[in-house]
Amino acid sequence: MKNQGISQKLTRLALCATVFITAAACDRDDNQVPNDGNAAILLVIDEDSIDNGNPPNNFSATDVNDQIADLGLRLPLQYFRDNIGKTIDLYTGQVGDEGWFAIKTIPNTWKSAGPFDNGALNYLAAGPGLGAPVPDDDREVLLDKIPNVTPLRATGLTMLIGKAVLAVVYDSDVSINYSPLQGNLMGGNLGLVAFEVLNVQKRSDGSSSSLPRVTIRILGVEDVRDRQIALFSNAPVPQSSSEPFDINPPGTVPDAVLVPAP
């Protein structure tokens, strides 16, 4: 039995290596989020925040992997890979057309998809049905109607200050339905980004519905992917595509409650 356990562990670590997840992260106890502030919040970011030609950065196509965008692409975005430690600003979309989203629920289908027994790792690895090229058909079968994909407006964004983020970046809009709240996570990806949120400010250069400007410090995807992956469990839930009209970062917000991503 002892040898069997060792064999299973070695097999799991080998799988981790194939998707660039380190042994430490793969073999970690995911039963609780550490209280040392070292967890990474799993988010989704779409073209309304990161895309080539978008202000305020006007990234080139190669900066954001646009020339290699594909289903299940999980490489770091080139600009973020080459500028670790740099502080930049990102816009975050508009009310009803947000650019940042919290994944608050990991479906059981993600957990059983493989190659791991953790649904968040399977999504980050673009496992079967989550973007993997094999099998050739049904590559996105597990990415539609995902419950509780939550658009982040000013209050939710402000709750991220001081937190590390690991985000899958999409090459198009993330579509959201309300009542019940669901997200469609199908579509091509630009890859992964990692950063720490430093500040959230109301935009003075946008439209009346523009969401805040967020200042981030770029982190290394490989380093952040080694951390505990957490869900932003108390991200504020909008009632509709227009309510609440939450564009002004409040002076005080609740602490973000992080739970282990199962």
Protein backbone atom coordinates (compact mmCIF):
# COMPACT_ATOMS: atom_id res chain seq x y z
CA MET A 1 0.00 0.00 0.00
CA LYS A 2 2.88 2.36 0.80
CA ASN A 3 4.46 1.75 -2.62
CA GLN A 4 1.07 2.33 -4.27
CA GLY A 5 0.78 5.70 -2.54
CA ILE A 6 4.26 6.70 -3.68
CA SER A 7 3.43 5.65 -7.23
CA GLN A 8 0.24 7.73 -7.25
CA LYS A 9 2.13 10.74 -5.95
CA LEU A 10 4.82 10.42 -8.63
CA THR A 11 2.15 10.12 -11.31
CA ARG A 12 0.44 13.27 -10.06
CA LEU A 13 3.72 15.21 -10.00
CA ALA A 14 4.48 14.06 -13.55
CA LEU A 15 1.10 15.41 -14.69
CA CYS A 16 1.86 18.70 -12.99
CA ALA A 17 5.11 19.00 -14.91
CA THR A 18 3.30 18.63 -18.22
CA VAL A 19 1.23 21.77 -17.56
CA PHE A 20 4.00 23.81 -15.87
CA ILE A 21 2.62 23.45 -12.33
CA THR A 22 5.41 22.92 -9.83
CA ALA A 23 5.65 19.99 -7.46
CA ALA A 24 5.12 22.28 -4.46
CA ALA A 25 1.86 23.68 -5.83
CA CYS A 26 0.63 20.32 -7.08
CA ASP A 27 1.29 18.49 -3.81
CA ARG A 28 -0.05 21.27 -1.57
CA ASP A 29 -2.87 20.79 0.93
CA ASP A 30 -5.75 22.82 -0.56
CA ASN A 31 -8.10 22.45 2.38
CA GLN A 32 -7.63 26.01 3.57
CA VAL A 33 -6.40 29.38 2.37
CA PRO A 34 -3.28 30.43 4.28
CA ASN A 35 -3.63 33.60 6.34
CA ASP A 36 -0.25 34.94 5.24
CA GLY A 37 -1.67 36.95 2.35
CA ASN A 38 0.10 34.71 -0.14
CA ALA A 39 -2.98 33.23 -1.86
CA ALA A 40 -3.75 34.07 -5.50
CA ILE A 41 -7.33 34.92 -6.47
CA LEU A 42 -8.60 33.24 -9.63
CA LEU A 43 -10.14 35.80 -12.00
CA VAL A 44 -11.13 36.06 -15.64
CA ILE A 45 -10.23 39.17 -17.67
CA ASP A 46 -11.60 39.96 -21.12
CA GLU A 47 -10.87 42.32 -24.01
CA ASP A 48 -12.45 45.29 -22.24
CA SER A 49 -9.40 45.39 -19.95
CA ILE A 50 -6.51 43.69 -21.77
CA ASP A 51 -6.25 43.65 -25.55
CA ASN A 52 -3.99 45.00 -28.26
CA GLY A 53 -4.56 48.68 -28.99
CA ASN A 54 -6.54 49.33 -25.82
CA PRO A 55 -5.77 52.41 -23.71
CA PRO A 56 -4.14 53.24 -21.40
CA ASN A 57 -1.30 50.90 -22.50
CA ASN A 58 -1.97 50.43 -26.22
CA PHE A 59 -0.39 46.99 -26.14
CA SER A 60 0.82 45.55 -29.43
CA ALA A 61 -0.55 42.25 -30.72
CA THR A 62 2.59 40.41 -29.64
CA ASP A 63 2.49 42.09 -26.20
CA VAL A 64 -0.75 40.24 -25.43
CA ASN A 65 -0.25 37.04 -27.51
CA ASP A 66 -2.96 38.09 -29.93
CA GLN A 67 -1.10 36.49 -32.84
CA ILE A 68 -1.28 33.07 -31.14
CA ALA A 69 -4.68 33.36 -29.42
CA ASP A 70 -6.37 29.97 -29.19
CA LEU A 71 -8.73 27.85 -27.15
CA GLY A 72 -7.03 26.82 -23.93
CA LEU A 73 -3.93 28.99 -24.39
CA ARG A 74 -2.25 29.23 -20.99
CA LEU A 75 1.10 30.87 -21.76
CA PRO A 76 1.94 34.10 -19.91
CA LEU A 77 1.20 37.24 -21.94
CA GLN A 78 4.51 38.41 -23.37
CA TYR A 79 4.37 41.97 -21.99
CA PHE A 80 3.60 40.68 -18.50
CA ARG A 81 6.30 38.00 -18.74
CA ASP A 82 8.90 40.61 -19.78
CA ASN A 83 7.94 43.30 -17.25
CA ILE A 84 7.74 41.54 -13.87
CA GLY A 85 7.81 44.15 -11.10
CA LYS A 86 6.56 46.98 -13.31
CA THR A 87 3.58 49.07 -12.19
CA ILE A 88 0.93 49.81 -14.82
CA ASP A 89 -2.72 50.85 -14.96
CA LEU A 90 -5.54 48.85 -16.50
CA TYR A 91 -9.05 49.96 -17.35
CA THR A 92 -11.80 47.59 -16.27
CA GLY A 93 -14.66 48.13 -18.71
CA GLN A 94 -18.07 49.66 -18.15
CA VAL A 95 -21.17 48.83 -16.15
CA GLY A 96 -22.84 46.06 -18.11
CA ASP A 97 -19.68 45.40 -20.13
CA GLU A 98 -17.17 44.64 -17.40
CA GLY A 99 -13.59 43.53 -17.96
CA TRP A 100 -12.87 41.63 -14.72
CA PHE A 101 -14.85 38.67 -13.37
CA ALA A 102 -14.62 36.53 -10.25
CA ILE A 103 -15.15 32.79 -10.53
CA LYS A 104 -17.02 31.97 -7.33
CA THR A 105 -18.11 28.40 -8.07
CA ILE A 106 -16.03 25.54 -9.49
CA PRO A 107 -18.43 23.12 -11.22
CA ASN A 108 -18.17 19.44 -10.37
CA THR A 109 -17.62 18.76 -14.07
CA TRP A 110 -14.35 20.71 -13.85
CA LYS A 111 -13.22 18.58 -10.94
CA SER A 112 -13.85 15.34 -12.79
CA ALA A 113 -12.39 16.57 -16.09
CA GLY A 114 -8.77 15.84 -15.13
CA PRO A 115 -5.86 15.68 -15.21
CA PHE A 116 -6.05 16.65 -11.51
CA ASP A 117 -8.62 16.22 -8.76
CA ASN A 118 -8.85 20.01 -8.39
CA GLY A 119 -11.23 21.83 -10.73
CA ALA A 120 -9.38 25.15 -10.61
CA LEU A 121 -6.10 23.48 -11.59
CA ASN A 122 -7.91 21.67 -14.40
CA TYR A 123 -9.20 25.03 -15.70
CA LEU A 124 -5.75 26.62 -15.40
CA ALA A 125 -4.28 23.62 -17.22
CA ALA A 126 -7.02 23.75 -19.90
CA GLY A 127 -7.92 20.12 -19.30
CA PRO A 128 -10.36 18.00 -21.35
CA GLY A 129 -13.50 20.00 -22.14
CA LEU A 130 -11.78 23.11 -20.73
CA GLY A 131 -9.88 24.02 -23.89
CA ALA A 132 -7.54 21.07 -24.35
CA PRO A 133 -6.82 20.20 -28.00
CA VAL A 134 -7.48 16.50 -27.30
CA PRO A 135 -10.12 15.34 -27.97
CA ASP A 136 -10.53 17.51 -31.07
CA ASP A 137 -14.29 17.91 -30.60
CA ASP A 138 -16.07 19.25 -27.51
CA ARG A 139 -13.00 21.25 -26.52
CA GLU A 140 -15.22 23.79 -24.72
CA VAL A 141 -18.08 21.58 -23.62
CA LEU A 142 -17.50 22.37 -19.92
CA LEU A 143 -17.21 26.17 -20.30
CA ASP A 144 -20.80 27.28 -20.91
CA LYS A 145 -23.36 28.34 -18.29
CA ILE A 146 -20.86 28.49 -15.44
CA PRO A 147 -22.68 29.54 -12.26
CA ASN A 148 -21.72 32.66 -10.31
CA VAL A 149 -19.24 34.18 -12.73
CA THR A 150 -19.45 37.62 -11.15
CA PRO A 151 -18.69 40.90 -12.96
CA LEU A 152 -16.54 43.14 -10.79
CA ARG A 153 -17.58 46.75 -10.49
CA ALA A 154 -16.05 49.45 -8.31
CA THR A 155 -16.75 47.87 -4.90
CA GLY A 156 -15.52 44.43 -5.87
CA LEU A 157 -12.42 45.85 -7.53
CA THR A 158 -11.62 47.89 -4.42
CA MET A 159 -11.85 44.75 -2.27
CA LEU A 160 -8.94 43.34 -4.29
CA ILE A 161 -6.44 45.99 -3.14
CA GLY A 162 -3.42 44.26 -1.63
CA LYS A 163 -4.35 40.89 -3.15
CA ALA A 164 -2.51 38.80 -5.72
CA VAL A 165 -4.45 37.74 -8.81
CA LEU A 166 -3.96 34.94 -11.32
CA ALA A 167 -6.22 35.50 -14.33
CA VAL A 168 -7.11 33.76 -17.56
CA VAL A 169 -7.33 36.43 -20.29
CA TYR A 170 -9.92 36.06 -23.06
CA ASP A 171 -9.58 37.34 -26.61
CA SER A 172 -13.20 38.54 -26.66
CA ASP A 173 -16.04 39.47 -24.34
CA VAL A 174 -17.11 37.23 -21.48
CA SER A 175 -20.88 36.93 -21.80
CA ILE A 176 -22.94 37.18 -18.60
CA ASN A 177 -26.57 36.25 -17.97
CA TYR A 178 -28.47 37.37 -14.88
CA SER A 179 -31.18 35.64 -12.80
CA PRO A 180 -29.50 33.24 -12.39
CA LEU A 181 -26.02 34.68 -12.68
CA GLN A 182 -24.05 32.64 -15.23
CA GLY A 183 -21.03 33.19 -17.43
CA ASN A 184 -20.02 31.80 -20.79
CA LEU A 185 -16.27 31.09 -20.66
CA MET A 186 -16.03 29.70 -24.17
CA GLY A 187 -13.77 31.35 -26.73
CA GLY A 188 -10.12 31.92 -27.52
CA ASN A 189 -7.63 32.90 -24.83
CA LEU A 190 -4.62 35.18 -24.84
CA GLY A 191 -3.07 33.36 -21.89
CA LEU A 192 -2.36 34.06 -18.23
CA VAL A 193 -1.41 37.15 -16.23
CA ALA A 194 -0.47 37.58 -12.59
CA PHE A 195 -0.33 40.77 -10.58
CA GLU A 196 -0.93 42.50 -7.26
CA VAL A 197 -3.68 45.12 -7.07
CA LEU A 198 -2.24 48.34 -5.66
CA ASN A 199 -4.94 50.96 -6.11
CA VAL A 200 -8.40 51.55 -7.58
CA GLN A 201 -9.43 55.03 -8.75
CA LYS A 202 -12.47 56.50 -10.44
CA ARG A 203 -11.79 57.26 -14.08
CA SER A 204 -11.85 60.92 -15.05
CA ASP A 205 -11.18 60.20 -18.73
CA GLY A 206 -14.00 57.81 -19.60
CA SER A 207 -17.73 57.78 -20.11
CA SER A 208 -20.41 58.14 -17.45
CA SER A 209 -20.49 54.33 -17.05
CA SER A 210 -16.74 53.66 -17.04
CA LEU A 211 -15.47 51.44 -14.27
CA PRO A 212 -12.33 52.36 -12.32
CA ARG A 213 -8.71 52.52 -13.35
CA VAL A 214 -6.78 49.85 -11.45
CA THR A 215 -3.08 50.14 -10.67
CA ILE A 216 -1.27 46.81 -10.59
CA ARG A 217 2.23 45.49 -10.03
CA ILE A 218 3.05 42.72 -12.49
CA LEU A 219 4.02 39.39 -10.93
CA GLY A 220 5.49 36.28 -12.48
CA VAL A 221 2.85 33.78 -13.59
CA GLU A 222 5.07 30.84 -12.69
CA ASP A 223 5.63 32.16 -9.16
CA VAL A 224 1.99 33.02 -8.51
CA ARG A 225 0.77 29.71 -9.92
CA ASP A 226 2.72 28.00 -7.10
CA ARG A 227 0.51 29.68 -4.50
CA GLN A 228 -2.77 28.56 -3.03
CA ILE A 229 -5.46 29.31 -5.65
CA ALA A 230 -8.46 30.98 -4.01
CA LEU A 231 -11.96 32.08 -4.96
CA PHE A 232 -13.27 35.58 -4.19
CA SER A 233 -16.31 34.23 -2.40
CA ASN A 234 -17.94 37.51 -1.29
CA ALA A 235 -17.48 39.48 -4.51
CA PRO A 236 -20.57 41.75 -4.71
CA VAL A 237 -23.27 40.31 -6.95
CA PRO A 238 -24.90 42.79 -9.35
CA GLN A 239 -28.66 42.50 -9.72
CA SER A 240 -28.61 43.24 -13.44
CA SER A 241 -26.45 44.60 -16.24
CA SER A 242 -27.15 48.13 -14.99
CA GLU A 243 -27.77 47.80 -11.23
CA PRO A 244 -26.05 48.79 -9.10
CA PHE A 245 -24.43 51.59 -11.07
CA ASP A 246 -21.24 51.05 -9.11
CA ILE A 247 -18.47 53.17 -10.67
CA ASN A 248 -17.06 55.05 -7.66
CA PRO A 249 -14.58 53.15 -5.44
CA PRO A 250 -15.96 53.42 -1.90
CA GLY A 251 -13.82 54.68 0.95
CA THR A 252 -14.33 51.51 2.98
CA VAL A 253 -15.17 48.00 1.79
CA PRO A 254 -15.53 44.61 3.48
CA ASP A 255 -12.50 42.37 3.58
CA ALA A 256 -12.36 40.01 0.64
CA VAL A 257 -13.27 36.51 1.84
CA LEU A 258 -11.12 33.91 0.11
CA VAL A 259 -11.92 30.22 0.04
CA PRO A 260 -9.86 27.38 -1.42
CA ALA A 261 -10.54 26.73 -5.09
CA PRO A 262 -11.65 23.09 -5.14
